[in-house]
Protein backbone atom coordinates (compact mmCIF):
# COMPACT_ATOMS: atom_id res chain seq x y z
CA MET A 1 21.17 28.07 -5.01
CA THR A 2 19.92 25.75 -2.46
CA ASP A 3 19.30 22.18 -2.27
CA ASP A 4 15.98 21.63 0.29
CA ARG A 5 16.15 17.75 -0.64
CA ASN A 6 16.09 15.64 2.37
CA VAL A 7 19.74 14.29 2.00
CA VAL A 8 23.09 14.24 4.17
CA ASP A 9 25.14 17.48 3.65
CA TYR A 10 27.63 14.76 1.74
CA TYR A 11 24.83 14.42 -1.08
CA LYS A 12 23.85 18.25 -1.33
CA TYR A 13 23.75 19.12 -4.92
CA TRP A 14 24.40 15.79 -6.39
CA THR A 15 21.83 14.52 -8.94
CA THR A 16 19.32 11.77 -7.95
CA GLU A 17 21.05 9.43 -10.42
CA ALA A 18 24.55 10.12 -8.74
CA ILE A 19 23.35 9.82 -5.28
CA VAL A 20 21.70 6.23 -6.19
CA ALA A 21 24.84 5.05 -7.61
CA ASP A 22 27.16 5.99 -4.87
CA LEU A 23 24.67 4.04 -2.65
CA ASP A 24 24.55 1.31 -4.86
CA THR A 25 28.28 0.73 -3.88
CA LYS A 26 27.51 0.61 -0.26
CA ARG A 27 24.10 -1.03 0.13
CA HIS A 28 24.09 -3.80 2.67
CA ASN A 29 23.13 -7.41 1.98
CA PHE A 30 19.53 -7.66 3.23
CA SER A 31 16.27 -6.43 1.59
CA VAL A 32 12.57 -5.92 2.98
CA LEU A 33 9.43 -7.37 1.86
CA CYS A 34 6.00 -5.75 2.86
CA ALA A 35 3.59 -8.34 2.65
CA ASN A 36 -0.12 -6.65 2.14
CA VAL A 37 0.64 -3.83 4.55
CA GLN A 38 -2.17 -1.55 3.94
CA GLY A 39 -1.20 1.66 5.98
CA ASP A 40 0.77 4.11 3.73
CA PHE A 41 2.48 5.51 6.92
CA ASN A 42 3.95 2.13 7.20
CA VAL A 43 5.11 1.42 3.68
CA GLY A 44 6.61 5.10 3.75
CA THR A 45 8.29 4.62 6.96
CA VAL A 46 9.48 0.91 5.83
CA ILE A 47 11.03 2.92 2.92
CA ARG A 48 12.53 5.73 4.89
CA ASN A 49 14.27 2.91 7.10
CA ALA A 50 15.48 0.74 4.14
CA ASN A 51 17.02 3.93 3.01
CA ALA A 52 18.51 4.94 6.32
CA PHE A 53 19.81 1.36 6.74
CA LEU A 54 21.04 0.99 3.05
CA ALA A 55 18.83 -2.21 2.42
CA SER A 56 19.23 -3.80 -1.47
CA MET A 57 16.04 -3.91 -2.18
CA VAL A 58 12.16 -2.95 -0.85
CA TYR A 59 9.60 -5.70 -2.35
CA LEU A 60 5.94 -4.73 -2.08
CA TYR A 61 4.15 -7.97 -2.29
CA GLY A 62 0.38 -7.65 -2.77
CA ARG A 63 -0.34 -4.00 -2.85
CA ARG A 64 1.08 -2.13 -5.92
CA LYS A 65 0.28 1.73 -4.80
CA TYR A 66 0.93 3.82 -1.93
CA ASN A 67 1.21 7.48 -0.80
CA ARG A 68 4.69 8.54 -1.28
CA ASN A 69 4.45 11.45 1.22
CA GLY A 70 5.24 9.06 3.98
CA ALA A 71 8.56 8.09 2.34
CA VAL A 72 9.69 12.04 2.75
CA GLY A 73 11.35 11.54 -0.72
CA THR A 74 13.68 8.40 0.10
CA GLN A 75 11.76 6.51 -2.36
CA HIS A 76 13.94 8.20 -5.00
CA TYR A 77 17.18 6.70 -3.67
CA THR A 78 15.59 3.25 -2.73
CA HIS A 79 15.12 0.29 -4.90
CA PHE A 80 11.53 -1.15 -5.49
CA LYS A 81 10.05 -4.43 -7.09
CA HIS A 82 6.46 -5.35 -6.68
CA VAL A 83 6.02 -8.99 -6.26
CA GLN A 84 2.49 -10.26 -7.32
CA THR A 85 2.21 -14.06 -6.61
CA ILE A 86 3.29 -16.42 -3.91
CA GLU A 87 5.30 -17.75 -7.00
CA ASP A 88 7.22 -14.55 -7.21
CA VAL A 89 7.99 -14.65 -3.54
CA THR A 90 8.99 -18.38 -3.46
CA ALA A 91 11.63 -17.36 -6.30
CA LEU A 92 13.21 -15.12 -3.98
CA THR A 93 14.30 -17.89 -2.00
CA GLU A 94 16.56 -19.29 -4.64
CA SER A 95 18.92 -16.72 -3.77
CA ALA A 96 18.22 -15.06 -0.37
CA MET A 97 17.02 -16.24 3.19
CA LEU A 98 13.39 -15.09 3.91
CA VAL A 99 13.33 -14.13 7.88
CA ALA A 100 9.56 -13.44 9.13
CA VAL A 101 9.48 -10.60 11.86
CA ASP A 102 6.35 -11.71 13.76
CA ASN A 103 5.67 -12.54 17.22
CA VAL A 104 4.30 -16.04 16.87
CA PRO A 105 5.07 -19.60 18.81
CA GLY A 106 8.68 -20.53 17.88
CA ALA A 107 9.88 -17.02 16.99
CA GLU A 108 13.40 -16.16 18.10
CA ASP A 109 14.31 -13.04 19.73
CA VAL A 110 15.81 -10.92 16.99
CA ALA A 111 18.27 -9.84 19.37
CA THR A 112 19.99 -13.23 19.78
CA ALA A 113 18.84 -14.99 16.63
CA ASP A 114 21.55 -16.29 14.44
CA LEU A 115 21.12 -13.97 11.17
CA PRO A 116 23.74 -14.94 8.30
CA LEU A 117 26.05 -11.97 7.62
CA ASP A 118 27.25 -13.63 4.36
CA ARG A 119 23.96 -14.54 2.72
CA HIS A 120 21.23 -12.31 1.27
CA VAL A 121 18.36 -11.82 4.31
CA ILE A 122 14.96 -10.74 3.19
CA PHE A 123 13.09 -9.49 6.23
CA VAL A 124 9.32 -10.26 5.61
CA PHE A 125 6.68 -7.73 7.45
CA GLY A 126 2.91 -8.56 7.43
CA GLU A 127 -0.01 -6.39 7.87
CA GLU A 128 -0.63 -5.40 11.59
CA GLY A 129 -3.28 -7.26 13.22
CA THR A 130 -2.88 -10.31 11.19
CA GLY A 131 1.02 -10.52 11.00
CA VAL A 132 2.85 -12.75 8.17
CA SER A 133 0.42 -14.80 6.32
CA PRO A 134 0.66 -18.76 6.94
CA GLU A 135 1.60 -19.13 3.32
CA LEU A 136 4.56 -16.84 3.55
CA LEU A 137 5.58 -18.21 6.81
CA ALA A 138 5.91 -21.46 5.35
CA LEU A 139 8.41 -20.11 2.98
CA CYS A 140 10.59 -18.31 5.60
CA GLU A 141 13.54 -19.99 7.12
CA LYS A 142 13.41 -18.41 10.29
CA THR A 143 10.91 -16.16 12.43
CA VAL A 144 11.96 -13.41 14.66
CA TYR A 145 10.26 -11.43 17.02
CA ILE A 146 11.18 -7.93 18.91
CA LYS A 147 11.50 -8.38 22.54
CA GLN A 148 9.06 -5.80 24.16
CA PHE A 149 8.59 -4.48 27.96
CA GLY A 150 5.13 -2.92 27.72
CA SER A 151 1.65 -4.01 27.73
CA VAL A 152 0.85 -3.91 23.96
CA ARG A 153 1.37 -7.21 21.99
CA SER A 154 3.00 -5.70 18.75
CA LEU A 155 4.67 -2.79 17.16
CA ASN A 156 3.61 -1.05 13.92
CA VAL A 157 5.23 -2.61 11.04
CA GLY A 158 7.33 0.97 10.20
CA THR A 159 8.80 0.83 13.78
CA ALA A 160 9.10 -3.08 13.89
CA SER A 161 11.36 -2.51 10.50
CA GLY A 162 13.28 0.14 11.87
CA ILE A 163 14.44 -1.82 14.84
CA VAL A 164 14.99 -5.23 12.78
CA MET A 165 17.12 -3.12 10.20
CA TYR A 166 19.12 -1.62 12.91
CA GLU A 167 19.90 -4.72 14.52
CA TYR A 168 21.08 -6.71 11.39
CA CYS A 169 23.04 -3.49 10.19
CA ARG A 170 24.85 -3.15 13.96
CA ARG A 171 26.25 -7.08 13.36
CA LEU A 172 27.37 -6.18 10.00
CA THR A 173 29.32 -3.21 10.98
CA GLN A 174 30.72 -5.13 14.03
CA SER A 175 31.88 -8.14 12.06
């Protein structure tokens, strides 16, 4: 019998439920919120990144369904919650710090921004082209951007999520 799932060797032959239970003991103190992200590839990549960096939760705001092929099975090991209204997102601010990821005036470089390691952080990613909506930006305590060196103005949501989650986890593991 072989286990062809896309899991590290440590988890080969474990049940999905056992893998989730073990991951739940190790998850990091952050989550991600995808706000109206339309591209299935981007949503799948965010979910895959959330699994790779052990995010506590992935919130999908606005959009309810996506093609799960892009997540390559990692959706089975990642917690999801759909938030449908701005009031649902506002309720998240009671227990977490919302941090927008967008390259707007006033945003801080994610590499040097002061991000709390002892408080739950929810990184908010918006739709490509339009970014994080003004309504959501108003709920965020901080906005960060990813410093770039080429000629394009922005990165796709999937790529940006991986960079931000890596940077946050790098700090967590060094503290």
